[in-house]
Amino acid sequence: MLACDIVPAELKLHVQDRQALWREAAERVRTLNLRLGEDARKRRALIKRVETVPGVDPIVALAVLAVFAEGIFFPSAKHPASYGWLVPSTFQSGERDAHGHITARLDRAAGDAVAR
């Protein structure tokens, strides 16, 4: 379509610029995915441990580890879950107590990674 004379030159340049941006973004995503995979392999045991939390899959586990890698200290064991918003939904009725998916997301960047 860009090769035909019907498309104005200014529009052709605009489309070509956008195509270049998309190619650069795709390359960056590929590079980041490779790094993420390498990091996941190095921390496999830790990721598996985080996955024991109800509703946590490998991507959520990596996002949680990224949030807590900042080295923040918490006053009690309950605080980290709420800091990372890693709280499973709870369904209770009488003696029945069931847990489901995570009720909220991590910070905005991590949340984008784990959004379902």
Protein backbone atom coordinates (compact mmCIF):
# COMPACT_ATOMS: atom_id res chain seq x y z
CA MET A 1 0.00 0.00 0.00
CA LEU A 2 2.84 2.43 0.82
CA ALA A 3 4.38 1.81 -2.60
CA CYS A 4 1.40 3.21 -4.51
CA ASP A 5 1.04 6.89 -5.46
CA ILE A 6 -2.34 7.27 -3.75
CA VAL A 7 -0.82 7.53 -0.25
CA PRO A 8 0.59 11.02 0.47
CA ALA A 9 4.34 11.19 1.20
CA GLU A 10 3.75 12.64 4.66
CA LEU A 11 1.50 9.70 5.60
CA LYS A 12 4.08 7.23 4.24
CA LEU A 13 6.75 8.76 6.50
CA HIS A 14 4.41 8.62 9.47
CA VAL A 15 3.63 4.93 8.86
CA GLN A 16 7.32 4.10 8.35
CA ASP A 17 8.20 5.84 11.64
CA ARG A 18 5.51 3.84 13.44
CA GLN A 19 6.76 0.59 11.89
CA ALA A 20 10.29 1.37 13.10
CA LEU A 21 8.99 2.06 16.62
CA TRP A 22 7.10 -1.25 16.66
CA ARG A 23 10.21 -3.13 15.48
CA GLU A 24 12.29 -1.50 18.24
CA ALA A 25 9.63 -2.29 20.84
CA ALA A 26 9.43 -5.91 19.69
CA GLU A 27 13.20 -6.26 19.98
CA ARG A 28 13.15 -4.77 23.48
CA VAL A 29 10.38 -7.16 24.56
CA ARG A 30 12.37 -10.09 23.16
CA THR A 31 15.48 -9.00 25.08
CA LEU A 32 13.53 -8.52 28.31
CA ASN A 33 11.85 -11.92 27.91
CA LEU A 34 15.26 -13.57 27.54
CA ARG A 35 16.50 -11.83 30.70
CA LEU A 36 13.34 -12.79 32.56
CA GLY A 37 13.82 -16.42 31.53
CA GLU A 38 17.44 -16.41 32.70
CA ASP A 39 16.43 -14.85 36.02
CA ALA A 40 13.64 -17.38 36.47
CA ARG A 41 16.04 -20.28 35.92
CA LYS A 42 18.42 -18.87 38.56
CA ARG A 43 15.61 -18.51 41.11
CA ARG A 44 13.60 -21.64 40.26
CA ALA A 45 13.43 -22.94 43.86
CA LEU A 46 12.31 -19.57 45.23
CA ILE A 47 9.70 -19.15 42.50
CA LYS A 48 8.29 -22.60 43.26
CA ARG A 49 8.02 -21.64 46.91
CA VAL A 50 6.12 -18.42 46.13
CA GLU A 51 3.82 -20.42 43.85
CA THR A 52 2.55 -22.33 46.90
CA VAL A 53 0.41 -19.26 47.71
CA PRO A 54 -3.13 -19.86 46.37
CA GLY A 55 -3.66 -18.18 42.98
CA VAL A 56 0.03 -17.58 42.25
CA ASP A 57 1.44 -18.81 38.94
CA PRO A 58 5.06 -18.42 37.68
CA ILE A 59 4.48 -14.92 36.24
CA VAL A 60 2.86 -13.68 39.46
CA ALA A 61 5.69 -15.26 41.46
CA LEU A 62 8.31 -13.41 39.38
CA ALA A 63 6.41 -10.13 39.79
CA VAL A 64 6.20 -10.64 43.55
CA LEU A 65 9.92 -11.38 43.76
CA ALA A 66 10.63 -8.24 41.74
CA VAL A 67 8.59 -6.14 44.19
CA PHE A 68 10.27 -7.63 47.26
CA ALA A 69 13.77 -7.50 45.75
CA GLU A 70 13.90 -3.90 46.96
CA GLY A 71 14.93 -5.22 50.39
CA ILE A 72 12.07 -3.69 52.33
CA PHE A 73 11.70 -4.90 55.93
CA PHE A 74 8.29 -5.53 57.47
CA PRO A 75 7.20 -5.37 61.12
CA SER A 76 5.34 -8.71 60.92
CA ALA A 77 4.75 -11.67 58.61
CA LYS A 78 1.31 -10.34 57.58
CA HIS A 79 2.60 -7.06 56.16
CA PRO A 80 4.38 -8.37 53.01
CA ALA A 81 1.20 -9.89 51.59
CA SER A 82 -0.73 -6.66 51.86
CA TYR A 83 2.25 -4.63 50.58
CA GLY A 84 2.32 -6.71 47.41
CA TRP A 85 -1.46 -6.98 47.40
CA LEU A 86 -0.98 -10.71 47.28
CA VAL A 87 -4.15 -11.66 49.13
CA PRO A 88 -6.30 -14.56 47.85
CA SER A 89 -10.05 -14.12 47.75
CA THR A 90 -11.85 -15.94 50.55
CA PHE A 91 -15.23 -17.62 50.43
CA GLN A 92 -16.66 -18.45 53.86
CA SER A 93 -19.98 -19.97 54.81
CA GLY A 94 -20.52 -21.69 58.11
CA GLU A 95 -17.64 -24.12 58.50
CA ARG A 96 -16.64 -23.84 54.83
CA ASP A 97 -13.51 -21.78 54.12
CA ALA A 98 -12.20 -21.67 50.53
CA HIS A 99 -9.56 -19.49 48.91
CA GLY A 100 -9.51 -18.43 45.27
CA HIS A 101 -7.68 -16.09 42.93
CA ILE A 102 -5.72 -13.02 44.02
CA THR A 103 -8.09 -10.17 44.87
CA ALA A 104 -5.85 -7.30 43.76
CA ARG A 105 -2.73 -6.60 41.73
CA LEU A 106 0.78 -5.49 42.55
CA ASP A 107 2.06 -2.01 41.70
CA ARG A 108 1.04 -0.74 38.26
CA ALA A 109 4.02 -2.15 36.32
CA ALA A 110 3.92 -5.51 38.05
CA GLY A 111 0.14 -5.52 37.83
CA ASP A 112 0.35 -5.26 34.05
CA ALA A 113 2.47 -8.39 34.08
CA VAL A 114 0.06 -10.41 36.19
CA ALA A 115 -3.28 -9.06 34.98
CA ARG A 116 -5.56 -11.91 34.00
